[in-house]
Amino acid sequence: MIPSLPVQHRVQIDKFTSDGVTDVFKLTHQTIQTQSVMVDGVHKKMGIVGMHFFFQGYEALINESASTVIFASPPPNTRMLNNIEVVYIYDPARPTPIRSSVPSTALPGQVTNMTYPTGRMTPTPKTAPAQKAIGREVAGWQESDYLDYTDFENAMKADEPVSYALCQWLMRQSRGHVVDPFTDSQWEEWYTYALEHCPRFAQEQPKRR
């Protein structure tokens, strides 16, 4: 009688090409442990959605339930193919996630698979949808917008600095209408906080009388 084999996982390498605009990329499989995220050969500080936040200095977050990698700001367009590389472990027994409309440049032949015996691993608990932070769905928002909203809100609660990328994100948000993510007063409050907690952003803004 053949003894039972230990649980086998596989290592996946997904590669993408940055366009300078896209900040969310769809992974081929549902990751159970991400090994590294690199852009142009440089390792990025990586965290997990729901456990880590951009305002803490993380440059890339892995959404394990949605099988996406989200960057704090879009990786620059260096005109190099496959300049983004994500290495992660997945379980072949899990079904492949349904493809969404999230833009991705991963093409057949751009990925590498290897058998990787890891033994039993405890998956990271899945987090609630990011839009719960704002309490509703906002038309036109992607997953990264909800995460930016959460990061900014958490920074304000902790009275911590906000990144320049978050300040730019705030400036792109509409306000004042029922369907908008911000009321006029809320946006003004966040804008004032950004001026006081991001020196680079404050220097670029016109002086108020």
Protein backbone atom coordinates (compact mmCIF):
# COMPACT_ATOMS: atom_id res chain seq x y z
CA MET A 1 0.00 0.00 0.00
CA ILE A 2 1.43 3.34 -1.04
CA PRO A 3 1.62 5.77 1.88
CA SER A 4 -0.11 9.10 1.62
CA LEU A 5 2.01 11.84 0.11
CA PRO A 6 2.49 15.13 1.95
CA VAL A 7 0.53 18.13 0.76
CA GLN A 8 2.19 19.59 -2.33
CA HIS A 9 2.01 23.21 -3.30
CA ARG A 10 3.44 24.99 -6.31
CA VAL A 11 5.42 28.14 -6.83
CA GLN A 12 4.07 30.55 -9.41
CA ILE A 13 5.89 33.47 -11.01
CA ASP A 14 3.52 35.97 -12.61
CA LYS A 15 5.01 38.71 -14.78
CA PHE A 16 3.35 41.92 -15.90
CA THR A 17 4.35 44.96 -17.94
CA SER A 18 3.69 48.33 -16.32
CA ASP A 19 2.07 51.11 -18.32
CA GLY A 20 2.49 53.91 -15.80
CA VAL A 21 -1.28 54.00 -15.12
CA THR A 22 -2.38 50.58 -13.85
CA ASP A 23 -1.91 49.95 -10.12
CA VAL A 24 -3.87 46.66 -9.76
CA PHE A 25 -2.79 43.41 -11.42
CA LYS A 26 -4.64 40.08 -11.44
CA LEU A 27 -2.70 37.00 -10.36
CA THR A 28 -3.11 33.70 -12.18
CA HIS A 29 -3.92 31.71 -9.02
CA GLN A 30 -5.15 32.36 -5.50
CA THR A 31 -2.04 32.85 -3.43
CA ILE A 32 -1.63 31.29 0.00
CA GLN A 33 1.77 32.86 0.61
CA THR A 34 3.53 35.54 -1.42
CA GLN A 35 7.31 35.34 -1.55
CA SER A 36 8.24 38.59 -3.26
CA VAL A 37 7.10 41.49 -5.43
CA MET A 38 9.69 43.13 -7.67
CA VAL A 39 9.55 46.05 -10.09
CA ASP A 40 12.50 46.48 -12.47
CA GLY A 41 14.46 44.00 -10.35
CA VAL A 42 13.91 45.95 -7.11
CA HIS A 43 12.10 44.28 -4.22
CA LYS A 44 9.06 46.19 -2.97
CA LYS A 45 7.96 46.26 0.66
CA MET A 46 5.00 43.90 0.57
CA GLY A 47 2.02 43.43 2.86
CA ILE A 48 -1.41 41.83 3.03
CA VAL A 49 -4.68 43.68 2.54
CA GLY A 50 -6.44 44.09 5.87
CA MET A 51 -3.23 43.57 7.88
CA HIS A 52 -0.93 46.20 6.40
CA PHE A 53 -1.49 49.64 4.90
CA PHE A 54 0.21 51.96 2.45
CA PHE A 55 0.57 54.71 5.04
CA GLN A 56 2.80 52.33 7.01
CA GLY A 57 5.31 52.40 4.18
CA TYR A 58 4.18 49.30 2.27
CA GLU A 59 4.64 49.64 -1.48
CA ALA A 60 2.53 46.67 -2.60
CA LEU A 61 -0.39 44.84 -0.97
CA ILE A 62 -1.61 41.35 -1.82
CA ASN A 63 -5.36 40.77 -1.78
CA GLU A 64 -5.43 37.01 -1.25
CA SER A 65 -9.20 36.61 -1.64
CA ALA A 66 -9.32 38.60 -4.89
CA SER A 67 -5.97 37.27 -6.18
CA THR A 68 -4.59 40.72 -6.98
CA VAL A 69 -1.46 42.74 -6.25
CA ILE A 70 -2.11 46.42 -5.58
CA PHE A 71 0.61 49.06 -5.71
CA ALA A 72 0.61 52.26 -3.66
CA SER A 73 1.16 54.09 -6.95
CA PRO A 74 1.27 52.79 -10.52
CA PRO A 75 4.69 51.32 -11.36
CA PRO A 76 6.46 53.59 -13.88
CA ASN A 77 6.39 52.82 -17.57
CA THR A 78 10.03 51.99 -18.24
CA ARG A 79 9.23 50.46 -21.66
CA MET A 80 10.57 47.13 -20.42
CA LEU A 81 8.50 43.99 -20.92
CA ASN A 82 7.61 41.88 -17.88
CA ASN A 83 9.24 44.38 -15.48
CA ILE A 84 6.86 43.41 -12.65
CA GLU A 85 7.39 40.00 -11.04
CA VAL A 86 5.30 38.39 -8.30
CA VAL A 87 6.46 35.09 -6.78
CA TYR A 88 3.92 33.22 -4.66
CA ILE A 89 2.81 29.79 -3.47
CA TYR A 90 -0.59 28.39 -4.39
CA ASP A 91 -2.53 25.18 -3.88
CA PRO A 92 -3.35 23.37 -7.15
CA ALA A 93 -6.36 21.80 -5.43
CA ARG A 94 -8.02 25.18 -5.15
CA PRO A 95 -10.14 26.27 -8.11
CA THR A 96 -8.66 28.99 -10.31
CA PRO A 97 -10.35 32.31 -9.46
CA ILE A 98 -12.79 33.76 -11.97
CA ARG A 99 -11.19 36.45 -14.07
CA SER A 100 -12.46 39.96 -13.43
CA SER A 101 -12.19 43.17 -15.42
CA VAL A 102 -9.08 44.24 -13.51
CA PRO A 103 -6.48 45.04 -16.17
CA SER A 104 -3.61 42.60 -16.42
CA THR A 105 -0.85 42.09 -18.95
CA ALA A 106 -0.01 38.50 -17.97
CA LEU A 107 0.07 36.38 -21.10
CA PRO A 108 0.45 32.63 -21.65
CA GLY A 109 4.10 31.71 -21.51
CA GLN A 110 4.99 34.50 -19.12
CA VAL A 111 4.60 32.38 -16.02
CA THR A 112 6.79 29.68 -14.50
CA ASN A 113 5.55 26.75 -12.42
CA MET A 114 7.60 24.54 -10.11
CA THR A 115 6.65 21.77 -7.73
CA TYR A 116 7.30 23.07 -4.25
CA PRO A 117 6.71 20.77 -1.23
CA THR A 118 5.80 23.05 1.64
CA GLY A 119 3.93 20.74 3.97
CA ARG A 120 0.75 21.97 5.56
CA MET A 121 0.29 25.71 5.59
CA THR A 122 -2.39 27.75 7.30
CA PRO A 123 -3.85 30.26 4.86
CA THR A 124 -4.12 33.86 6.01
CA PRO A 125 -7.69 34.64 7.11
CA LYS A 126 -9.63 36.31 4.33
CA THR A 127 -10.62 39.93 4.87
CA ALA A 128 -13.93 41.64 4.30
CA PRO A 129 -14.42 43.61 1.07
CA ALA A 130 -12.53 46.89 1.12
CA GLN A 131 -15.63 48.93 0.34
CA LYS A 132 -16.93 48.27 3.85
CA ALA A 133 -14.62 51.07 4.98
CA ILE A 134 -16.81 53.67 3.31
CA GLY A 135 -20.00 51.71 3.86
CA ARG A 136 -21.22 51.71 0.27
CA GLU A 137 -20.20 51.14 -3.31
CA VAL A 138 -18.86 54.17 -5.16
CA ALA A 139 -19.46 54.35 -8.91
CA GLY A 140 -16.21 54.27 -10.86
CA TRP A 141 -14.06 53.18 -7.93
CA GLN A 142 -11.74 50.21 -8.22
CA GLU A 143 -10.47 48.09 -5.36
CA SER A 144 -7.42 50.32 -5.02
CA ASP A 145 -9.64 53.36 -4.38
CA TYR A 146 -11.31 51.68 -1.42
CA LEU A 147 -7.89 50.72 -0.07
CA ASP A 148 -6.61 54.29 -0.48
CA TYR A 149 -9.69 55.55 1.34
CA THR A 150 -9.01 53.11 4.18
CA ASP A 151 -5.33 54.03 4.36
CA PHE A 152 -6.08 57.75 4.49
CA GLU A 153 -8.78 57.29 7.11
CA ASN A 154 -6.53 55.10 9.27
CA ALA A 155 -3.71 57.65 9.04
CA MET A 156 -6.06 60.36 10.28
CA LYS A 157 -7.27 58.23 13.17
CA ALA A 158 -3.66 57.51 14.19
CA ASP A 159 -2.52 61.10 13.50
CA GLU A 160 0.21 59.78 11.21
CA PRO A 161 1.70 61.16 7.96
CA VAL A 162 0.03 60.45 4.64
CA SER A 163 1.95 59.61 1.50
CA TYR A 164 2.19 61.95 -1.45
CA ALA A 165 0.42 59.30 -3.57
CA LEU A 166 -2.59 59.35 -1.21
CA CYS A 167 -2.71 63.14 -1.41
CA GLN A 168 -2.79 62.96 -5.20
CA TRP A 169 -5.52 60.34 -4.97
CA LEU A 170 -7.60 62.70 -2.79
CA MET A 171 -7.24 65.52 -5.32
CA ARG A 172 -8.78 63.28 -8.00
CA GLN A 173 -11.92 62.56 -5.98
CA SER A 174 -15.24 64.23 -6.73
CA ARG A 175 -17.33 65.70 -3.94
CA GLY A 176 -20.52 67.52 -3.08
CA HIS A 177 -23.07 65.26 -4.79
CA VAL A 178 -25.04 62.32 -3.43
CA VAL A 179 -23.19 59.81 -5.60
CA ASP A 180 -19.75 61.25 -4.79
CA PRO A 181 -17.47 59.55 -2.21
CA PHE A 182 -17.02 62.80 -0.24
CA THR A 183 -19.18 65.63 0.98
CA ASP A 184 -17.69 69.11 0.59
CA SER A 185 -16.94 69.36 4.31
CA GLN A 186 -15.39 65.88 4.54
CA TRP A 187 -13.16 66.48 1.53
CA GLU A 188 -12.05 69.82 2.98
CA GLU A 189 -11.20 68.11 6.26
CA TRP A 190 -9.09 65.46 4.51
CA TYR A 191 -7.42 68.09 2.32
CA THR A 192 -6.46 70.14 5.37
CA TYR A 193 -5.06 67.01 7.02
CA ALA A 194 -3.01 66.26 3.89
CA LEU A 195 -1.54 69.77 3.95
CA GLU A 196 -0.50 69.31 7.57
CA HIS A 197 0.85 65.76 7.24
CA CYS A 198 2.58 65.67 3.84
CA PRO A 199 5.20 68.44 3.38
CA ARG A 200 5.74 67.68 -0.31
CA PHE A 201 2.04 67.98 -1.04
CA ALA A 202 1.74 71.16 1.02
CA GLN A 203 4.59 72.80 -0.93
CA GLU A 204 2.77 72.24 -4.21
CA GLN A 205 -0.54 73.68 -3.09
CA PRO A 206 -1.37 77.37 -3.47
CA LYS A 207 -1.13 79.36 -0.25
CA ARG A 208 -4.46 80.03 1.38
CA ARG A 209 -5.33 83.53 2.46
